[in-house]
N, C-alpha and C. Protein backbone atom coordinates (compact mmCIF):
# COMPACT_ATOMS: atom_id res chain seq x y z
N MET A 1 80.62 -88.88 91.26
CA MET A 1 80.75 -87.58 90.61
C MET A 1 80.30 -87.61 89.16
N THR A 2 79.53 -88.58 88.76
CA THR A 2 79.08 -88.65 87.38
C THR A 2 77.76 -87.93 87.23
N PRO A 3 77.69 -86.95 86.32
CA PRO A 3 76.42 -86.24 86.13
C PRO A 3 75.39 -87.16 85.48
N SER A 4 74.13 -86.89 85.75
CA SER A 4 73.09 -87.67 85.10
C SER A 4 73.02 -87.29 83.63
N SER A 5 72.53 -88.20 82.82
CA SER A 5 72.52 -87.98 81.37
C SER A 5 71.47 -86.96 80.94
N ASP A 6 70.54 -86.58 81.84
CA ASP A 6 69.47 -85.68 81.44
C ASP A 6 69.72 -84.23 81.87
N ASP A 7 70.90 -83.93 82.37
CA ASP A 7 71.17 -82.54 82.72
C ASP A 7 72.47 -82.07 82.08
N ARG A 8 72.77 -80.82 82.30
CA ARG A 8 73.96 -80.21 81.70
C ARG A 8 74.96 -79.80 82.77
N THR A 9 75.00 -80.58 83.84
CA THR A 9 75.87 -80.25 84.96
C THR A 9 77.08 -81.17 85.01
N PHE A 10 78.09 -80.69 85.72
CA PHE A 10 79.26 -81.50 85.99
C PHE A 10 79.81 -81.10 87.35
N THR A 11 80.63 -81.95 87.92
CA THR A 11 81.15 -81.73 89.26
C THR A 11 82.66 -81.65 89.21
N LEU A 12 83.21 -80.70 89.96
CA LEU A 12 84.66 -80.58 90.13
C LEU A 12 84.98 -80.61 91.61
N TYR A 13 86.15 -81.12 91.93
CA TYR A 13 86.62 -81.06 93.30
C TYR A 13 87.16 -79.67 93.60
N ASP A 14 86.90 -79.17 94.80
CA ASP A 14 87.62 -78.04 95.33
C ASP A 14 88.96 -78.58 95.82
N LEU A 15 90.00 -77.77 95.71
CA LEU A 15 91.34 -78.21 96.09
C LEU A 15 91.95 -77.26 97.10
N ARG A 16 92.83 -77.79 97.91
CA ARG A 16 93.69 -76.98 98.77
C ARG A 16 95.13 -77.32 98.38
N VAL A 17 95.92 -76.30 98.09
CA VAL A 17 97.32 -76.46 97.71
C VAL A 17 98.14 -75.78 98.80
N GLU A 18 98.96 -76.58 99.49
CA GLU A 18 99.68 -76.07 100.66
C GLU A 18 101.16 -76.43 100.59
N CYS A 19 102.01 -75.49 100.97
CA CYS A 19 103.43 -75.77 101.11
C CYS A 19 103.60 -76.60 102.38
N VAL A 20 104.13 -77.82 102.23
CA VAL A 20 104.27 -78.71 103.38
C VAL A 20 105.73 -78.93 103.78
N GLU A 21 106.66 -78.58 102.90
CA GLU A 21 108.09 -78.73 103.23
C GLU A 21 108.91 -77.71 102.46
N ILE A 22 110.01 -77.29 103.07
CA ILE A 22 111.06 -76.57 102.38
C ILE A 22 112.36 -77.26 102.80
N ASN A 23 113.01 -77.89 101.83
CA ASN A 23 114.17 -78.71 102.12
C ASN A 23 115.50 -78.06 101.77
N GLY A 24 115.47 -76.80 101.42
CA GLY A 24 116.70 -76.10 101.04
C GLY A 24 116.74 -74.72 101.66
N ASP A 25 117.32 -73.80 100.94
CA ASP A 25 117.41 -72.42 101.41
C ASP A 25 116.02 -71.77 101.41
N PRO A 26 115.56 -71.27 102.54
CA PRO A 26 114.23 -70.67 102.62
C PRO A 26 114.20 -69.24 102.08
N VAL A 27 114.55 -69.10 100.81
CA VAL A 27 114.60 -67.77 100.20
C VAL A 27 113.38 -67.48 99.32
N ALA A 28 112.47 -68.41 99.23
CA ALA A 28 111.26 -68.21 98.42
C ALA A 28 110.29 -67.31 99.17
N SER A 29 109.29 -66.80 98.45
CA SER A 29 108.31 -65.92 99.08
C SER A 29 107.15 -66.70 99.70
N TYR A 30 107.34 -67.98 99.94
CA TYR A 30 106.32 -68.78 100.63
C TYR A 30 107.00 -69.52 101.78
N GLU A 31 106.17 -69.92 102.73
CA GLU A 31 106.64 -70.64 103.90
C GLU A 31 105.79 -71.89 104.08
N VAL A 32 106.30 -72.83 104.85
CA VAL A 32 105.51 -74.01 105.20
C VAL A 32 104.21 -73.53 105.84
N GLY A 33 103.10 -74.07 105.38
CA GLY A 33 101.79 -73.67 105.88
C GLY A 33 101.05 -72.70 104.97
N ASP A 34 101.77 -72.00 104.08
CA ASP A 34 101.10 -71.12 103.13
C ASP A 34 100.28 -71.98 102.17
N TYR A 35 99.10 -71.48 101.80
CA TYR A 35 98.22 -72.27 100.94
C TYR A 35 97.32 -71.35 100.13
N PHE A 36 96.67 -71.97 99.16
CA PHE A 36 95.55 -71.36 98.48
C PHE A 36 94.57 -72.47 98.15
N GLU A 37 93.35 -72.09 97.82
CA GLU A 37 92.34 -73.07 97.43
C GLU A 37 91.90 -72.80 96.01
N VAL A 38 91.35 -73.83 95.39
CA VAL A 38 90.80 -73.74 94.05
C VAL A 38 89.32 -74.09 94.15
N HIS A 39 88.47 -73.12 93.78
CA HIS A 39 87.02 -73.32 93.76
C HIS A 39 86.58 -73.11 92.33
N GLY A 40 86.30 -74.18 91.61
CA GLY A 40 85.98 -74.05 90.19
C GLY A 40 87.19 -73.50 89.46
N GLU A 41 87.02 -72.36 88.80
CA GLU A 41 88.15 -71.75 88.08
C GLU A 41 88.86 -70.68 88.91
N GLU A 42 88.42 -70.47 90.13
CA GLU A 42 88.95 -69.40 90.97
C GLU A 42 90.06 -69.88 91.89
N LEU A 43 91.16 -69.12 91.96
CA LEU A 43 92.19 -69.31 92.97
C LEU A 43 91.83 -68.41 94.14
N VAL A 44 91.73 -68.98 95.33
CA VAL A 44 91.29 -68.25 96.51
C VAL A 44 92.43 -68.24 97.53
N PHE A 45 92.93 -67.05 97.83
CA PHE A 45 94.04 -66.88 98.76
C PHE A 45 93.52 -66.34 100.08
N PRO A 46 94.12 -66.78 101.20
CA PRO A 46 93.74 -66.17 102.48
C PRO A 46 94.06 -64.68 102.44
N GLU A 47 93.30 -63.90 103.17
CA GLU A 47 93.48 -62.45 103.16
C GLU A 47 94.92 -62.08 103.51
N GLY A 48 95.52 -61.25 102.66
CA GLY A 48 96.86 -60.75 102.90
C GLY A 48 97.98 -61.67 102.49
N GLN A 49 97.66 -62.89 102.06
CA GLN A 49 98.72 -63.83 101.68
C GLN A 49 99.06 -63.70 100.20
N THR A 50 100.33 -63.70 99.90
CA THR A 50 100.78 -63.72 98.51
C THR A 50 101.32 -65.11 98.21
N PHE A 51 101.65 -65.34 96.94
CA PHE A 51 102.16 -66.65 96.55
C PHE A 51 103.09 -66.46 95.36
N SER A 52 104.20 -67.12 95.38
CA SER A 52 105.20 -67.00 94.33
C SER A 52 104.64 -67.41 92.97
N MET A 53 104.79 -66.54 91.96
CA MET A 53 104.32 -66.91 90.62
C MET A 53 105.15 -68.06 90.05
N TYR A 54 106.39 -68.21 90.49
CA TYR A 54 107.22 -69.30 90.00
C TYR A 54 106.74 -70.64 90.56
N ALA A 55 106.43 -70.66 91.85
CA ALA A 55 105.87 -71.88 92.43
C ALA A 55 104.50 -72.18 91.81
N LEU A 56 103.71 -71.13 91.61
CA LEU A 56 102.40 -71.30 91.00
C LEU A 56 102.52 -71.91 89.60
N SER A 57 103.56 -71.52 88.86
CA SER A 57 103.74 -72.03 87.50
C SER A 57 104.00 -73.54 87.49
N SER A 58 104.55 -74.08 88.56
CA SER A 58 104.77 -75.52 88.60
C SER A 58 103.51 -76.28 89.02
N LEU A 59 102.57 -75.59 89.62
CA LEU A 59 101.35 -76.21 90.12
C LEU A 59 100.17 -76.10 89.15
N LEU A 60 100.05 -74.98 88.46
CA LEU A 60 98.88 -74.72 87.62
C LEU A 60 98.55 -75.81 86.61
N PRO A 61 99.52 -76.39 85.91
CA PRO A 61 99.14 -77.41 84.91
C PRO A 61 98.44 -78.64 85.50
N LEU A 62 98.65 -78.91 86.78
CA LEU A 62 98.06 -80.10 87.40
C LEU A 62 96.65 -79.86 87.94
N LEU A 63 96.31 -78.63 88.24
CA LEU A 63 95.08 -78.36 88.99
C LEU A 63 93.80 -78.77 88.26
N PRO A 64 93.63 -78.46 86.96
CA PRO A 64 92.38 -78.90 86.31
C PRO A 64 92.21 -80.43 86.31
N ALA A 65 93.31 -81.15 86.17
CA ALA A 65 93.20 -82.62 86.20
C ALA A 65 92.88 -83.11 87.60
N LYS A 66 93.46 -82.48 88.62
CA LYS A 66 93.19 -82.88 90.00
C LYS A 66 91.75 -82.58 90.41
N GLN A 67 91.11 -81.62 89.72
CA GLN A 67 89.72 -81.28 90.03
C GLN A 67 88.74 -82.32 89.53
N ARG A 68 89.17 -83.18 88.63
CA ARG A 68 88.25 -84.11 87.99
C ARG A 68 88.38 -85.51 88.57
N GLU A 69 87.31 -86.26 88.48
CA GLU A 69 87.28 -87.64 88.94
C GLU A 69 88.31 -88.46 88.18
N SER A 70 89.02 -89.31 88.89
CA SER A 70 89.96 -90.24 88.27
C SER A 70 89.87 -91.57 89.01
N THR A 71 90.33 -92.62 88.37
CA THR A 71 90.22 -93.94 89.00
C THR A 71 91.22 -94.05 90.15
N GLU A 72 90.97 -94.98 91.04
CA GLU A 72 91.81 -95.12 92.23
C GLU A 72 93.26 -95.49 91.91
N ASN A 73 93.52 -96.06 90.73
CA ASN A 73 94.88 -96.43 90.35
C ASN A 73 95.59 -95.38 89.52
N ASP A 74 94.90 -94.32 89.17
CA ASP A 74 95.48 -93.24 88.37
C ASP A 74 96.43 -92.42 89.25
N TRP A 75 97.58 -92.05 88.71
CA TRP A 75 98.53 -91.26 89.51
C TRP A 75 97.96 -89.91 89.90
N MET A 76 97.00 -89.42 89.16
CA MET A 76 96.36 -88.15 89.54
C MET A 76 95.57 -88.31 90.83
N THR A 77 95.16 -89.52 91.15
CA THR A 77 94.47 -89.79 92.41
C THR A 77 95.46 -90.04 93.53
N THR A 78 96.50 -90.83 93.26
CA THR A 78 97.39 -91.28 94.33
C THR A 78 98.51 -90.30 94.67
N ASP A 79 99.01 -89.55 93.71
CA ASP A 79 100.16 -88.67 93.94
C ASP A 79 99.66 -87.27 94.30
N THR A 80 99.94 -86.82 95.50
CA THR A 80 99.42 -85.54 95.96
C THR A 80 100.51 -84.49 96.16
N ARG A 81 101.77 -84.89 96.13
CA ARG A 81 102.86 -83.96 96.41
C ARG A 81 103.55 -83.54 95.11
N VAL A 82 103.87 -82.24 95.04
CA VAL A 82 104.47 -81.65 93.85
C VAL A 82 105.66 -80.80 94.29
N ALA A 83 106.77 -80.92 93.56
CA ALA A 83 107.95 -80.11 93.86
C ALA A 83 107.82 -78.75 93.23
N GLY A 84 108.29 -77.73 93.94
CA GLY A 84 108.38 -76.39 93.38
C GLY A 84 109.49 -76.34 92.34
N PRO A 85 109.60 -75.25 91.60
CA PRO A 85 110.52 -75.19 90.47
C PRO A 85 111.99 -74.94 90.83
N ASP A 86 112.26 -74.47 92.03
CA ASP A 86 113.63 -74.12 92.39
C ASP A 86 114.26 -75.22 93.24
N PRO A 87 115.22 -75.97 92.69
CA PRO A 87 115.82 -77.06 93.46
C PRO A 87 116.62 -76.57 94.67
N ASN A 88 117.03 -75.31 94.67
CA ASN A 88 117.76 -74.77 95.82
C ASN A 88 116.84 -74.49 97.01
N VAL A 89 115.57 -74.23 96.73
CA VAL A 89 114.59 -74.02 97.79
C VAL A 89 114.02 -75.36 98.26
N GLY A 90 113.73 -76.23 97.32
CA GLY A 90 113.20 -77.54 97.68
C GLY A 90 111.81 -77.50 98.25
N GLY A 91 110.98 -76.59 97.73
CA GLY A 91 109.59 -76.51 98.21
C GLY A 91 108.78 -77.70 97.75
N ILE A 92 107.99 -78.25 98.66
CA ILE A 92 107.08 -79.36 98.36
C ILE A 92 105.67 -78.89 98.69
N PHE A 93 104.77 -79.10 97.75
CA PHE A 93 103.38 -78.68 97.89
C PHE A 93 102.48 -79.91 97.85
N GLU A 94 101.43 -79.87 98.63
CA GLU A 94 100.47 -80.97 98.65
C GLU A 94 99.14 -80.45 98.12
N ILE A 95 98.57 -81.22 97.19
CA ILE A 95 97.27 -80.88 96.58
C ILE A 95 96.24 -81.86 97.16
N THR A 96 95.26 -81.32 97.86
CA THR A 96 94.26 -82.14 98.54
C THR A 96 92.87 -81.79 98.01
N ARG A 97 92.08 -82.80 97.74
CA ARG A 97 90.67 -82.59 97.38
C ARG A 97 89.90 -82.35 98.67
N ILE A 98 89.22 -81.21 98.74
CA ILE A 98 88.57 -80.82 100.01
C ILE A 98 87.05 -80.74 99.92
N GLY A 99 86.48 -80.91 98.75
CA GLY A 99 85.03 -80.81 98.61
C GLY A 99 84.66 -80.94 97.15
N GLU A 100 83.38 -80.87 96.89
CA GLU A 100 82.87 -80.95 95.52
C GLU A 100 81.98 -79.75 95.25
N ARG A 101 81.95 -79.36 93.99
CA ARG A 101 81.13 -78.22 93.58
C ARG A 101 80.52 -78.57 92.23
N GLU A 102 79.22 -78.34 92.08
CA GLU A 102 78.53 -78.64 90.83
C GLU A 102 78.38 -77.39 89.99
N PHE A 103 78.59 -77.55 88.69
CA PHE A 103 78.51 -76.45 87.74
C PHE A 103 77.55 -76.81 86.61
N SER A 104 76.95 -75.80 86.04
CA SER A 104 76.14 -75.97 84.83
C SER A 104 77.00 -75.57 83.63
N HIS A 105 76.99 -76.38 82.61
CA HIS A 105 77.75 -76.09 81.40
C HIS A 105 77.42 -74.70 80.87
N ASP A 106 76.15 -74.35 80.90
CA ASP A 106 75.71 -73.06 80.35
C ASP A 106 76.29 -71.86 81.12
N ASP A 107 76.65 -72.07 82.39
CA ASP A 107 77.21 -70.98 83.20
C ASP A 107 78.70 -70.78 83.00
N VAL A 108 79.38 -71.76 82.42
CA VAL A 108 80.85 -71.67 82.32
C VAL A 108 81.39 -71.75 80.89
N SER A 109 80.50 -71.93 79.91
CA SER A 109 80.96 -72.05 78.54
C SER A 109 80.01 -71.35 77.58
N GLY A 110 80.59 -70.75 76.57
CA GLY A 110 79.78 -70.13 75.52
C GLY A 110 79.40 -71.11 74.43
N GLU A 111 79.97 -72.30 74.48
CA GLU A 111 79.63 -73.32 73.48
C GLU A 111 78.30 -73.98 73.82
N ASP A 112 77.48 -74.16 72.81
CA ASP A 112 76.20 -74.83 72.98
C ASP A 112 76.42 -76.33 72.80
N ILE A 113 75.91 -77.12 73.73
CA ILE A 113 75.96 -78.57 73.56
C ILE A 113 74.55 -79.06 73.32
N GLU A 114 74.45 -79.99 72.43
CA GLU A 114 73.14 -80.54 72.10
C GLU A 114 72.81 -81.64 73.08
N GLN A 115 71.57 -81.63 73.56
CA GLN A 115 71.10 -82.71 74.41
C GLN A 115 70.82 -83.92 73.55
N GLU A 116 71.20 -85.09 74.07
CA GLU A 116 70.90 -86.31 73.35
C GLU A 116 69.40 -86.56 73.40
N SER A 117 68.83 -87.00 72.28
CA SER A 117 67.40 -87.32 72.30
C SER A 117 67.20 -88.63 73.04
N GLN A 118 66.10 -88.68 73.77
CA GLN A 118 65.87 -89.86 74.60
C GLN A 118 64.92 -90.81 73.96
């Protein structure tokens, strides 16, 4: 996933975030099997599915890091399960890398980066 030094592109993983367990009172607005995907900066929900903003708040800080390449010993690579914010619900979510997507810096940022002279 390393971009070549002569272009302005970078690669991010697409992610799938899925509720895989509920170990407490099932009073949350999500159920086991509910999911969303992350494609670049976009959250993509299946048609008609909603998702708890409280559960989302526990997941959002991790997603940009999970989209990026990390070494095999980094916990961002090895740890895929995340607890939801309500201990009474006990929701567990799994973040899975499902694909790769290439982006051009110029398409996603207003900052100009200088090309290194060769």
